[in-house]
């Protein structure tokens, strides 16, 4: 295998390992349900920030993930449990939304909370699973030759995965207009329930991995 083919294979293996775990298709309904009042252009800005945050998070764990987790004493099971708690919290908020505050004529409408970092970038896109994959790839690269080059190729794979996520979420950004308010509300409830289920499963997996067989 030539050098170019090996480089391409390394990048593609990174993308192939990350995309099934990152799974932007499952994040698309979450994006729509969390940004019902935004225009298509505003929603695209949220998508761009979320994908950029995802790349920065995974790149940080690629460079110093092992050191960060070792310094703070964080284990992969702990990371899974924490991610599950965050996802479950978001799911409950979507299932049981707080009533909107009463509006008065003299007050400007409250700004919507920025959801680009949490929960879109973390833990939806850059969740415990993708972080664990990146840390594992970093550990493997450190045990081989050309460590810096291999880390750069993994970073390139992360960047291309972020681009793929942007393309998928960009296509979903215009879906809210076709769904209408009632469709988005229904999707919000369904996605909230699914997020609670996913979060609980994350917690179960973390606890099971922590306790062991």
N, C-alpha and C. Protein backbone atom coordinates (compact mmCIF):
# COMPACT_ATOMS: atom_id res chain seq x y z
N UNK A 1 0.85 -1.19 0.00
CA UNK A 1 0.00 0.00 0.00
C UNK A 1 0.89 1.24 0.00
N UNK A 2 0.63 2.19 -0.92
CA UNK A 2 1.40 3.40 -0.99
C UNK A 2 1.10 4.32 0.18
N UNK A 3 1.95 5.36 0.30
CA UNK A 3 1.80 6.30 1.41
C UNK A 3 0.46 7.03 1.32
N UNK A 4 0.12 7.49 0.10
CA UNK A 4 -1.14 8.22 -0.08
C UNK A 4 -2.34 7.35 0.27
N UNK A 5 -2.31 6.09 -0.20
CA UNK A 5 -3.43 5.19 0.09
C UNK A 5 -3.52 4.90 1.59
N UNK A 6 -2.36 4.81 2.25
CA UNK A 6 -2.37 4.55 3.69
C UNK A 6 -2.94 5.75 4.45
N UNK A 7 -2.59 6.96 4.00
CA UNK A 7 -3.11 8.17 4.64
C UNK A 7 -4.63 8.24 4.49
N UNK A 8 -5.10 7.99 3.26
CA UNK A 8 -6.54 8.02 3.00
C UNK A 8 -7.26 6.96 3.83
N UNK A 9 -6.67 5.77 3.92
CA UNK A 9 -7.29 4.69 4.69
C UNK A 9 -7.35 5.05 6.18
N UNK A 10 -6.33 5.74 6.68
CA UNK A 10 -6.30 6.12 8.09
C UNK A 10 -7.40 7.14 8.39
N UNK A 11 -7.54 8.12 7.48
CA UNK A 11 -8.58 9.14 7.67
C UNK A 11 -9.96 8.52 7.56
N UNK A 12 -10.15 7.66 6.56
CA UNK A 12 -11.46 7.03 6.37
C UNK A 12 -11.82 6.10 7.54
N UNK A 13 -10.82 5.45 8.11
CA UNK A 13 -11.11 4.59 9.27
C UNK A 13 -11.56 5.42 10.46
N UNK A 14 -10.99 6.62 10.60
CA UNK A 14 -11.44 7.52 11.67
C UNK A 14 -12.89 7.94 11.45
N UNK A 15 -13.19 8.34 10.20
CA UNK A 15 -14.56 8.75 9.88
C UNK A 15 -15.53 7.58 10.08
N UNK A 16 -15.14 6.40 9.62
CA UNK A 16 -16.00 5.23 9.75
C UNK A 16 -16.26 4.83 11.19
N UNK A 17 -15.27 5.09 12.06
CA UNK A 17 -15.47 4.76 13.48
C UNK A 17 -16.33 5.80 14.19
N UNK A 18 -16.27 7.05 13.74
CA UNK A 18 -16.96 8.12 14.45
C UNK A 18 -18.42 8.30 14.01
N UNK A 19 -18.68 8.24 12.71
CA UNK A 19 -20.02 8.59 12.21
C UNK A 19 -21.12 7.73 12.84
N UNK A 20 -20.96 6.39 12.97
CA UNK A 20 -22.06 5.63 13.57
C UNK A 20 -22.32 6.03 15.03
N UNK A 21 -21.29 6.50 15.72
CA UNK A 21 -21.46 6.88 17.13
C UNK A 21 -21.97 8.31 17.23
N UNK A 22 -21.38 9.23 16.44
CA UNK A 22 -21.84 10.62 16.45
C UNK A 22 -23.29 10.69 15.97
N UNK A 23 -23.59 10.00 14.88
CA UNK A 23 -24.94 9.82 14.33
C UNK A 23 -25.71 11.15 14.27
N UNK A 24 -25.35 12.03 13.35
CA UNK A 24 -26.07 13.32 13.26
C UNK A 24 -27.54 13.17 12.89
N UNK A 25 -27.92 12.03 12.32
CA UNK A 25 -29.32 11.83 11.96
C UNK A 25 -30.21 11.81 13.21
N UNK A 26 -29.67 11.30 14.33
CA UNK A 26 -30.45 11.31 15.57
C UNK A 26 -30.44 12.68 16.23
N UNK A 27 -29.48 13.52 15.86
CA UNK A 27 -29.42 14.87 16.42
C UNK A 27 -30.36 15.82 15.69
N UNK A 28 -30.71 15.51 14.45
CA UNK A 28 -31.56 16.40 13.66
C UNK A 28 -32.90 16.68 14.32
N UNK A 29 -33.65 15.67 14.80
CA UNK A 29 -34.91 15.99 15.49
C UNK A 29 -34.69 16.82 16.75
N UNK A 30 -33.58 16.55 17.46
CA UNK A 30 -33.26 17.33 18.66
C UNK A 30 -33.04 18.79 18.30
N UNK A 31 -32.34 19.03 17.19
CA UNK A 31 -32.10 20.40 16.74
C UNK A 31 -33.42 21.12 16.48
N UNK A 32 -34.34 20.46 15.79
CA UNK A 32 -35.61 21.09 15.46
C UNK A 32 -36.45 21.36 16.70
N UNK A 33 -36.42 20.42 17.64
CA UNK A 33 -37.27 20.58 18.82
C UNK A 33 -36.72 21.61 19.79
N UNK A 34 -35.41 21.86 19.75
CA UNK A 34 -34.81 22.84 20.66
C UNK A 34 -34.81 24.25 20.08
N UNK A 35 -35.05 24.38 18.78
CA UNK A 35 -34.99 25.70 18.15
C UNK A 35 -36.27 25.99 17.38
N UNK A 36 -37.43 25.87 18.01
CA UNK A 36 -38.68 26.04 17.25
C UNK A 36 -38.94 27.47 16.82
N UNK A 37 -38.40 28.44 17.54
CA UNK A 37 -38.70 29.84 17.24
C UNK A 37 -37.65 30.50 16.35
N UNK A 38 -36.62 29.76 15.95
CA UNK A 38 -35.56 30.35 15.15
C UNK A 38 -35.90 30.27 13.66
N UNK A 39 -35.38 31.22 12.91
CA UNK A 39 -35.50 31.16 11.46
C UNK A 39 -34.49 30.15 10.91
N UNK A 40 -34.61 29.84 9.63
CA UNK A 40 -33.67 28.89 9.02
C UNK A 40 -32.25 29.41 9.12
N UNK A 41 -32.04 30.69 8.89
CA UNK A 41 -30.69 31.26 8.96
C UNK A 41 -30.13 31.19 10.37
N UNK A 42 -30.96 31.50 11.36
CA UNK A 42 -30.50 31.43 12.76
C UNK A 42 -30.20 29.99 13.16
N UNK A 43 -31.02 29.06 12.67
CA UNK A 43 -30.78 27.66 12.99
C UNK A 43 -29.49 27.17 12.36
N UNK A 44 -29.17 27.64 11.17
CA UNK A 44 -27.91 27.26 10.52
C UNK A 44 -26.71 27.78 11.31
N UNK A 45 -26.83 28.96 11.90
CA UNK A 45 -25.75 29.48 12.74
C UNK A 45 -25.54 28.57 13.95
N UNK A 46 -26.62 28.09 14.53
CA UNK A 46 -26.52 27.15 15.65
C UNK A 46 -25.83 25.87 15.20
N UNK A 47 -26.19 25.37 14.01
CA UNK A 47 -25.59 24.15 13.48
C UNK A 47 -24.08 24.34 13.29
N UNK A 48 -23.69 25.48 12.72
CA UNK A 48 -22.26 25.73 12.50
C UNK A 48 -21.50 25.75 13.81
N UNK A 49 -22.05 26.42 14.81
CA UNK A 49 -21.37 26.48 16.10
C UNK A 49 -21.30 25.09 16.75
N UNK A 50 -22.39 24.33 16.64
CA UNK A 50 -22.41 23.00 17.25
C UNK A 50 -21.35 22.09 16.62
N UNK A 51 -21.22 22.12 15.30
CA UNK A 51 -20.22 21.29 14.62
C UNK A 51 -18.80 21.75 14.94
N UNK A 52 -18.61 23.07 15.05
CA UNK A 52 -17.30 23.59 15.43
C UNK A 52 -16.96 23.17 16.86
N UNK A 53 -17.92 23.28 17.77
CA UNK A 53 -17.69 22.84 19.15
C UNK A 53 -17.38 21.35 19.20
N UNK A 54 -18.10 20.57 18.40
CA UNK A 54 -17.85 19.13 18.38
C UNK A 54 -16.42 18.83 17.98
N UNK A 55 -15.93 19.51 16.92
CA UNK A 55 -14.55 19.30 16.48
C UNK A 55 -13.57 19.70 17.59
N UNK A 56 -13.80 20.85 18.23
CA UNK A 56 -12.89 21.31 19.27
C UNK A 56 -12.86 20.35 20.46
N UNK A 57 -14.03 19.83 20.84
CA UNK A 57 -14.09 18.90 21.97
C UNK A 57 -13.32 17.63 21.66
N UNK A 58 -13.60 17.04 20.49
CA UNK A 58 -12.93 15.78 20.14
C UNK A 58 -11.45 15.99 19.90
N UNK A 59 -11.07 17.12 19.30
CA UNK A 59 -9.65 17.40 19.08
C UNK A 59 -8.93 17.58 20.41
N UNK A 60 -9.59 18.21 21.38
CA UNK A 60 -8.97 18.37 22.70
C UNK A 60 -8.74 17.03 23.37
N UNK A 61 -9.72 16.13 23.26
CA UNK A 61 -9.54 14.81 23.85
C UNK A 61 -8.54 13.98 23.05
N UNK A 62 -8.41 14.26 21.76
CA UNK A 62 -7.38 13.58 20.96
C UNK A 62 -5.99 13.95 21.45
N UNK A 63 -5.78 15.24 21.73
CA UNK A 63 -4.46 15.72 22.12
C UNK A 63 -4.15 15.37 23.57
N UNK A 64 -5.12 15.58 24.45
CA UNK A 64 -4.82 15.44 25.87
C UNK A 64 -5.92 14.72 26.63
N UNK A 65 -6.68 13.89 25.94
CA UNK A 65 -7.80 13.23 26.60
C UNK A 65 -7.37 12.33 27.74
N UNK A 66 -6.34 11.51 27.48
CA UNK A 66 -5.86 10.62 28.52
C UNK A 66 -5.37 11.38 29.74
N UNK A 67 -4.63 12.47 29.50
CA UNK A 67 -4.11 13.27 30.61
C UNK A 67 -5.23 13.95 31.38
N UNK A 68 -6.22 14.48 30.65
CA UNK A 68 -7.35 15.16 31.30
C UNK A 68 -8.09 14.18 32.21
N UNK A 69 -8.42 13.01 31.68
CA UNK A 69 -9.19 12.05 32.47
C UNK A 69 -8.37 11.50 33.62
N UNK A 70 -7.05 11.32 33.40
CA UNK A 70 -6.20 10.84 34.48
C UNK A 70 -6.03 11.89 35.56
N UNK A 71 -5.89 13.15 35.16
CA UNK A 71 -5.68 14.24 36.12
C UNK A 71 -6.90 14.39 37.03
N UNK A 72 -8.10 14.34 36.43
CA UNK A 72 -9.32 14.51 37.22
C UNK A 72 -9.86 13.19 37.75
N UNK A 73 -9.20 12.09 37.43
CA UNK A 73 -9.65 10.80 37.91
C UNK A 73 -10.97 10.35 37.29
N UNK A 74 -11.18 10.70 36.02
CA UNK A 74 -12.43 10.36 35.35
C UNK A 74 -12.25 9.07 34.56
N UNK A 75 -13.17 8.16 34.70
CA UNK A 75 -13.14 6.91 33.93
C UNK A 75 -14.15 6.98 32.81
N UNK A 76 -14.01 6.08 31.85
CA UNK A 76 -14.99 6.01 30.76
C UNK A 76 -16.39 5.69 31.29
N UNK A 77 -16.54 4.75 32.25
CA UNK A 77 -17.88 4.56 32.82
C UNK A 77 -18.44 5.83 33.47
N UNK A 78 -17.57 6.59 34.17
CA UNK A 78 -18.03 7.84 34.76
C UNK A 78 -18.47 8.83 33.70
N UNK A 79 -17.73 8.84 32.59
CA UNK A 79 -18.10 9.72 31.48
C UNK A 79 -19.45 9.33 30.90
N UNK A 80 -19.69 8.03 30.78
CA UNK A 80 -20.97 7.56 30.25
C UNK A 80 -22.12 7.93 31.20
N UNK A 81 -21.91 7.75 32.48
CA UNK A 81 -22.97 8.06 33.45
C UNK A 81 -23.27 9.55 33.43
N UNK A 82 -22.23 10.39 33.41
CA UNK A 82 -22.43 11.84 33.38
C UNK A 82 -23.18 12.25 32.11
N UNK A 83 -22.77 11.69 30.97
CA UNK A 83 -23.46 11.99 29.72
C UNK A 83 -24.91 11.55 29.76
N UNK A 84 -25.17 10.39 30.37
CA UNK A 84 -26.54 9.91 30.48
C UNK A 84 -27.40 10.82 31.34
N UNK A 85 -26.82 11.36 32.41
CA UNK A 85 -27.57 12.28 33.27
C UNK A 85 -27.93 13.56 32.51
N UNK A 86 -26.96 14.08 31.74
CA UNK A 86 -27.22 15.31 30.98
C UNK A 86 -28.31 15.07 29.94
N UNK A 87 -28.19 13.95 29.19
CA UNK A 87 -29.17 13.64 28.16
C UNK A 87 -30.57 13.44 28.77
N UNK A 88 -30.63 12.75 29.91
CA UNK A 88 -31.91 12.53 30.57
C UNK A 88 -32.53 13.85 31.02
N UNK A 89 -31.69 14.74 31.55
CA UNK A 89 -32.19 16.04 32.00
C UNK A 89 -32.80 16.82 30.83
N UNK A 90 -32.09 16.82 29.70
CA UNK A 90 -32.60 17.51 28.52
C UNK A 90 -33.91 16.88 28.06
N UNK A 91 -33.98 15.53 28.09
CA UNK A 91 -35.20 14.83 27.69
C UNK A 91 -36.38 15.19 28.56
N UNK A 92 -36.17 15.26 29.88
CA UNK A 92 -37.26 15.64 30.78
C UNK A 92 -37.71 17.07 30.53
N UNK A 93 -36.76 17.96 30.22
CA UNK A 93 -37.12 19.34 29.93
C UNK A 93 -37.97 19.43 28.66
N UNK A 94 -37.70 18.54 27.70
CA UNK A 94 -38.48 18.55 26.46
C UNK A 94 -39.85 17.90 26.67
N UNK A 95 -39.93 16.88 27.54
CA UNK A 95 -41.21 16.23 27.81
C UNK A 95 -42.13 17.13 28.63
N UNK A 96 -41.54 17.84 29.58
CA UNK A 96 -42.32 18.70 30.48
C UNK A 96 -41.76 20.12 30.42
N UNK A 97 -42.00 20.82 29.32
CA UNK A 97 -41.44 22.16 29.18
C UNK A 97 -42.05 23.12 30.20
N UNK A 98 -41.24 24.07 30.64
CA UNK A 98 -41.72 25.08 31.57
C UNK A 98 -42.66 26.03 30.84
N UNK A 99 -43.71 26.47 31.49
CA UNK A 99 -44.63 27.40 30.82
C UNK A 99 -43.92 28.71 30.50
N UNK A 100 -44.23 29.30 29.36
CA UNK A 100 -43.57 30.55 29.00
C UNK A 100 -43.94 31.65 29.97
N UNK A 101 -43.00 32.54 30.31
CA UNK A 101 -43.31 33.61 31.24
C UNK A 101 -44.33 34.56 30.64
N UNK A 102 -45.19 35.13 31.49
CA UNK A 102 -46.18 36.07 30.96
C UNK A 102 -45.50 37.28 30.34
N UNK A 103 -45.96 37.64 29.16
CA UNK A 103 -45.35 38.75 28.45
C UNK A 103 -46.15 40.02 28.70
N UNK A 104 -45.42 41.10 28.83
CA UNK A 104 -46.05 42.41 28.97
C UNK A 104 -45.68 43.24 27.78
N UNK A 105 -46.52 44.20 27.48
CA UNK A 105 -46.32 44.99 26.28
C UNK A 105 -45.03 45.77 26.28
N UNK A 106 -44.54 46.16 27.46
CA UNK A 106 -43.35 47.01 27.50
C UNK A 106 -42.05 46.26 27.54
N UNK A 107 -42.08 44.91 27.60
CA UNK A 107 -40.85 44.14 27.73
C UNK A 107 -40.51 43.50 26.40
N UNK A 108 -39.20 43.45 26.13
CA UNK A 108 -38.73 42.76 24.93
C UNK A 108 -38.75 41.26 25.19
N UNK A 109 -38.98 40.42 24.18
CA UNK A 109 -38.98 38.98 24.38
C UNK A 109 -37.62 38.49 24.82
N UNK A 110 -37.64 37.50 25.73
CA UNK A 110 -36.37 36.96 26.25
C UNK A 110 -35.62 36.22 25.16
N UNK A 111 -34.32 36.34 25.20
CA UNK A 111 -33.48 35.66 24.21
C UNK A 111 -33.48 34.17 24.48
N UNK A 112 -33.52 33.38 23.44
CA UNK A 112 -33.52 31.94 23.60
C UNK A 112 -32.13 31.45 23.98
N UNK A 113 -32.11 30.45 24.88
CA UNK A 113 -30.84 29.91 25.34
C UNK A 113 -30.09 29.28 24.18
N UNK A 114 -28.78 29.51 24.16
CA UNK A 114 -27.95 28.93 23.10
C UNK A 114 -27.75 27.45 23.38
N UNK A 115 -28.20 26.61 22.46
CA UNK A 115 -28.13 25.17 22.65
C UNK A 115 -27.01 24.55 21.81
N UNK A 116 -26.16 25.38 21.20
CA UNK A 116 -25.14 24.86 20.29
C UNK A 116 -24.13 23.98 21.03
N UNK A 117 -23.70 24.44 22.22
CA UNK A 117 -22.71 23.64 22.95
C UNK A 117 -23.37 22.50 23.71
N UNK A 118 -24.35 22.84 24.53
CA UNK A 118 -25.11 21.83 25.27
C UNK A 118 -26.59 22.02 24.96
N UNK A 119 -27.28 21.00 24.49
CA UNK A 119 -26.86 19.61 24.38
C UNK A 119 -26.45 19.17 22.98
N UNK A 120 -26.37 20.08 21.98
CA UNK A 120 -26.10 19.62 20.62
C UNK A 120 -24.68 19.10 20.46
N UNK A 121 -23.67 19.96 20.77
CA UNK A 121 -22.28 19.51 20.61
C UNK A 121 -21.93 18.45 21.63
N UNK A 122 -22.24 18.70 22.88
CA UNK A 122 -22.00 17.75 23.96
C UNK A 122 -23.25 17.70 24.84
N UNK A 123 -23.83 16.52 25.04
CA UNK A 123 -23.28 15.21 24.71
C UNK A 123 -23.88 14.56 23.47
N UNK A 124 -24.60 15.31 22.61
CA UNK A 124 -25.28 14.67 21.49
C UNK A 124 -24.29 14.24 20.40
N UNK A 125 -23.49 15.19 19.89
CA UNK A 125 -22.52 14.86 18.84
C UNK A 125 -21.22 14.32 19.43
N UNK A 126 -20.61 15.09 20.33
CA UNK A 126 -19.37 14.66 20.98
C UNK A 126 -19.72 14.08 22.33
N UNK A 127 -20.29 12.89 22.31
CA UNK A 127 -20.72 12.25 23.54
C UNK A 127 -19.67 11.30 24.10
N UNK A 128 -20.03 10.56 25.14
CA UNK A 128 -19.08 9.64 25.76
C UNK A 128 -18.52 8.61 24.78
N UNK A 129 -19.38 8.12 23.88
CA UNK A 129 -18.92 7.11 22.92
C UNK A 129 -17.87 7.63 21.98
N UNK A 130 -18.12 8.81 21.36
CA UNK A 130 -17.15 9.36 20.43
C UNK A 130 -15.88 9.80 21.14
N UNK A 131 -16.00 10.31 22.37
CA UNK A 131 -14.80 10.68 23.13
C UNK A 131 -13.97 9.44 23.43
N UNK A 132 -14.63 8.35 23.81
CA UNK A 132 -13.91 7.11 24.08
C UNK A 132 -13.20 6.59 22.83
N UNK A 133 -13.86 6.72 21.66
CA UNK A 133 -13.23 6.28 20.41
C UNK A 133 -11.99 7.11 20.11
N UNK A 134 -12.09 8.43 20.29
CA UNK A 134 -10.96 9.30 20.00
C UNK A 134 -9.81 9.02 20.96
N UNK A 135 -10.10 8.81 22.23
CA UNK A 135 -9.04 8.50 23.19
C UNK A 135 -8.38 7.17 22.83
N UNK A 136 -9.18 6.20 22.43
CA UNK A 136 -8.61 4.91 22.01
C UNK A 136 -7.73 5.05 20.79
N UNK A 137 -8.16 5.85 19.81
CA UNK A 137 -7.33 6.09 18.62
C UNK A 137 -6.04 6.80 18.99
N UNK A 138 -6.12 7.75 19.92
CA UNK A 138 -4.92 8.46 20.35
C UNK A 138 -3.93 7.51 21.01
N UNK A 139 -4.45 6.61 21.84
CA UNK A 139 -3.58 5.64 22.51
C UNK A 139 -2.92 4.71 21.49
N UNK A 140 -3.68 4.28 20.48
CA UNK A 140 -3.13 3.42 19.43
C UNK A 140 -2.06 4.15 18.62
N UNK A 141 -2.32 5.41 18.29
CA UNK A 141 -1.36 6.19 17.50
C UNK A 141 -0.06 6.41 18.25
N UNK A 142 -0.14 6.57 19.58
CA UNK A 142 1.07 6.80 20.36
C UNK A 142 1.95 5.57 20.42
N UNK A 143 1.37 4.40 20.18
CA UNK A 143 2.15 3.16 20.22
C UNK A 143 2.77 2.82 18.88
N UNK A 144 2.54 3.66 17.83
CA UNK A 144 3.06 3.40 16.50
C UNK A 144 4.04 4.48 16.09
N UNK A 145 4.60 4.31 14.90
CA UNK A 145 5.54 5.30 14.38
C UNK A 145 4.78 6.52 13.86
N UNK A 146 5.54 7.63 13.67
CA UNK A 146 4.98 8.87 13.13
C UNK A 146 3.75 9.31 13.95
N UNK A 147 3.98 9.52 15.25
CA UNK A 147 2.88 9.82 16.16
C UNK A 147 2.18 11.12 15.77
N UNK A 148 2.96 12.17 15.48
CA UNK A 148 2.37 13.47 15.16
C UNK A 148 1.54 13.39 13.88
N UNK A 149 2.07 12.69 12.87
CA UNK A 149 1.35 12.54 11.61
C UNK A 149 0.05 11.78 11.82
N UNK A 150 0.09 10.72 12.60
CA UNK A 150 -1.12 9.92 12.83
C UNK A 150 -2.17 10.73 13.59
N UNK A 151 -1.72 11.54 14.55
CA UNK A 151 -2.66 12.39 15.26
C UNK A 151 -3.27 13.43 14.31
N UNK A 152 -2.44 13.95 13.41
CA UNK A 152 -2.96 14.92 12.43
C UNK A 152 -3.99 14.28 11.52
N UNK A 153 -3.76 13.03 11.12
CA UNK A 153 -4.73 12.33 10.27
C UNK A 153 -6.03 12.06 11.02
N UNK A 154 -5.93 11.72 12.30
CA UNK A 154 -7.14 11.52 13.09
C UNK A 154 -7.90 12.83 13.20
N UNK A 155 -7.17 13.94 13.42
CA UNK A 155 -7.80 15.26 13.49
C UNK A 155 -8.49 15.59 12.17
N UNK A 156 -7.87 15.23 11.05
CA UNK A 156 -8.50 15.46 9.74
C UNK A 156 -9.78 14.63 9.62
N UNK A 157 -9.76 13.41 10.13
CA UNK A 157 -10.97 12.59 10.11
C UNK A 157 -12.08 13.18 10.97
N UNK A 158 -11.70 13.75 12.12
CA UNK A 158 -12.68 14.41 12.99
C UNK A 158 -13.28 15.62 12.26
N UNK A 159 -12.42 16.40 11.58
CA UNK A 159 -12.90 17.58 10.85
C UNK A 159 -13.88 17.18 9.75
N UNK A 160 -13.56 16.13 9.01
CA UNK A 160 -14.47 15.68 7.94
C UNK A 160 -15.77 15.14 8.52
N UNK A 161 -15.69 14.51 9.68
CA UNK A 161 -16.91 14.05 10.35
C UNK A 161 -17.78 15.24 10.74
N UNK A 162 -17.14 16.32 11.22
CA UNK A 162 -17.88 17.53 11.56
C UNK A 162 -18.55 18.13 10.33
N UNK A 163 -17.85 18.10 9.19
CA UNK A 163 -18.44 18.60 7.94
C UNK A 163 -19.65 17.75 7.55
N UNK A 164 -19.52 16.45 7.69
CA UNK A 164 -20.65 15.56 7.39
C UNK A 164 -21.84 15.87 8.29
N UNK A 165 -21.57 16.09 9.58
CA UNK A 165 -22.65 16.43 10.51
C UNK A 165 -23.31 17.74 10.10
N UNK A 166 -22.50 18.71 9.65
CA UNK A 166 -23.06 19.99 9.23
C UNK A 166 -23.99 19.81 8.03
N UNK A 167 -23.59 18.99 7.08
CA UNK A 167 -24.41 18.77 5.89
C UNK A 167 -25.75 18.13 6.28
N UNK A 168 -25.69 17.13 7.18
CA UNK A 168 -26.92 16.45 7.61
C UNK A 168 -27.84 17.41 8.36
N UNK A 169 -27.27 18.16 9.31
CA UNK A 169 -28.08 19.05 10.12
C UNK A 169 -28.56 20.26 9.31
N UNK A 170 -27.78 20.66 8.32
CA UNK A 170 -28.23 21.75 7.45
C UNK A 170 -29.47 21.34 6.68
N UNK A 171 -29.50 20.09 6.23
CA UNK A 171 -30.69 19.60 5.53
C UNK A 171 -31.90 19.55 6.45
N UNK A 172 -31.65 19.30 7.75
CA UNK A 172 -32.77 19.23 8.69
C UNK A 172 -33.22 20.61 9.13
N UNK A 173 -32.37 21.63 8.94
CA UNK A 173 -32.70 22.97 9.43
C UNK A 173 -33.93 23.54 8.75
N UNK A 174 -34.15 23.20 7.47
CA UNK A 174 -35.32 23.71 6.77
C UNK A 174 -36.56 22.86 6.94
N UNK A 175 -36.44 21.76 7.71
CA UNK A 175 -37.57 20.84 7.86
C UNK A 175 -38.67 21.44 8.75
N UNK A 176 -38.27 22.28 9.70
CA UNK A 176 -39.26 22.83 10.64
C UNK A 176 -40.33 23.63 9.92
N UNK A 177 -39.95 24.31 8.86
CA UNK A 177 -40.91 25.13 8.12
C UNK A 177 -41.99 24.26 7.51
N UNK A 178 -41.62 23.06 7.06
CA UNK A 178 -42.60 22.15 6.46
C UNK A 178 -43.43 21.42 7.51
N UNK A 179 -42.83 21.21 8.70
CA UNK A 179 -43.56 20.50 9.75
C UNK A 179 -44.63 21.37 10.39
N UNK A 180 -44.33 22.66 10.55
CA UNK A 180 -45.27 23.54 11.24
C UNK A 180 -45.11 23.42 12.75
N UNK A 181 -45.81 24.30 13.46
CA UNK A 181 -45.67 24.35 14.92
C UNK A 181 -46.17 23.07 15.58
N UNK A 182 -47.30 22.54 15.11
CA UNK A 182 -47.83 21.31 15.71
C UNK A 182 -46.91 20.13 15.47
N UNK A 183 -46.32 20.05 14.27
CA UNK A 183 -45.39 18.96 13.98
C UNK A 183 -44.14 19.04 14.83
N UNK A 184 -43.60 20.23 15.01
CA UNK A 184 -42.41 20.40 15.85
C UNK A 184 -42.73 20.06 17.30
N UNK A 185 -43.92 20.45 17.77
CA UNK A 185 -44.32 20.14 19.15
C UNK A 185 -44.42 18.63 19.36
N UNK A 186 -45.01 17.94 18.39
CA UNK A 186 -45.11 16.48 18.50
C UNK A 186 -43.73 15.84 18.48
N UNK A 187 -42.86 16.34 17.60
CA UNK A 187 -41.50 15.80 17.53
C UNK A 187 -40.74 16.07 18.82
N UNK A 188 -41.00 17.22 19.45
CA UNK A 188 -40.34 17.55 20.70
C UNK A 188 -40.67 16.54 21.78
N UNK A 189 -41.96 16.19 21.90
CA UNK A 189 -42.36 15.22 22.91
C UNK A 189 -41.77 13.84 22.65
N UNK A 190 -41.82 13.41 21.38
CA UNK A 190 -41.27 12.09 21.04
C UNK A 190 -39.77 12.05 21.29
N UNK A 191 -39.08 13.11 20.84
CA UNK A 191 -37.63 13.14 21.02
C UNK A 191 -37.25 13.24 22.49
N UNK A 192 -38.06 13.96 23.28
CA UNK A 192 -37.79 14.03 24.71
C UNK A 192 -37.85 12.67 25.36
N UNK A 193 -38.88 11.89 25.01
CA UNK A 193 -38.98 10.54 25.57
C UNK A 193 -37.81 9.67 25.14
N UNK A 194 -37.45 9.75 23.86
CA UNK A 194 -36.32 8.96 23.37
C UNK A 194 -35.02 9.37 24.05
N UNK A 195 -34.85 10.66 24.29
CA UNK A 195 -33.63 11.12 24.97
C UNK A 195 -33.57 10.59 26.39
N UNK A 196 -34.69 10.57 27.08
CA UNK A 196 -34.69 9.99 28.42
C UNK A 196 -34.28 8.52 28.37
N UNK A 197 -34.83 7.78 27.40
CA UNK A 197 -34.47 6.37 27.24
C UNK A 197 -32.98 6.21 26.93
N UNK A 198 -32.46 7.06 26.04
CA UNK A 198 -31.03 6.99 25.69
C UNK A 198 -30.17 7.33 26.89
N UNK A 199 -30.56 8.37 27.64
CA UNK A 199 -29.80 8.75 28.81
C UNK A 199 -29.77 7.65 29.86
N UNK A 200 -30.93 7.03 30.10
CA UNK A 200 -30.98 5.93 31.08
C UNK A 200 -30.12 4.77 30.61
N UNK A 201 -30.13 4.49 29.31
CA UNK A 201 -29.30 3.40 28.79
C UNK A 201 -27.82 3.73 28.95
N UNK A 202 -27.43 5.00 28.73
CA UNK A 202 -26.05 5.41 28.98
C UNK A 202 -25.66 5.15 30.43
N UNK A 203 -26.56 5.49 31.34
CA UNK A 203 -26.28 5.28 32.77
C UNK A 203 -26.14 3.79 33.07
N UNK A 204 -27.05 2.98 32.51
CA UNK A 204 -26.99 1.53 32.73
C UNK A 204 -25.68 0.97 32.20
N UNK A 205 -25.30 1.39 30.98
CA UNK A 205 -24.03 0.89 30.41
C UNK A 205 -22.84 1.31 31.27
N UNK A 206 -22.86 2.57 31.75
CA UNK A 206 -21.76 3.03 32.60
C UNK A 206 -21.67 2.26 33.90
N UNK A 207 -22.82 2.05 34.54
CA UNK A 207 -22.82 1.32 35.80
C UNK A 207 -22.40 -0.13 35.59
N UNK A 208 -22.91 -0.74 34.51
CA UNK A 208 -22.54 -2.13 34.21
C UNK A 208 -21.05 -2.25 33.96
N UNK A 209 -20.48 -1.32 33.19
CA UNK A 209 -19.05 -1.34 32.92
C UNK A 209 -18.24 -1.07 34.19
N UNK A 210 -18.80 -0.24 35.08
CA UNK A 210 -18.10 0.09 36.32
C UNK A 210 -18.06 -1.08 37.27
N UNK A 211 -19.21 -1.77 37.37
CA UNK A 211 -19.29 -2.92 38.30
C UNK A 211 -18.55 -4.13 37.75
N UNK A 212 -18.66 -4.31 36.41
CA UNK A 212 -18.00 -5.46 35.80
C UNK A 212 -18.88 -6.68 35.83
N UNK A 213 -18.42 -7.74 35.15
CA UNK A 213 -19.22 -8.97 35.11
C UNK A 213 -19.35 -9.62 36.48
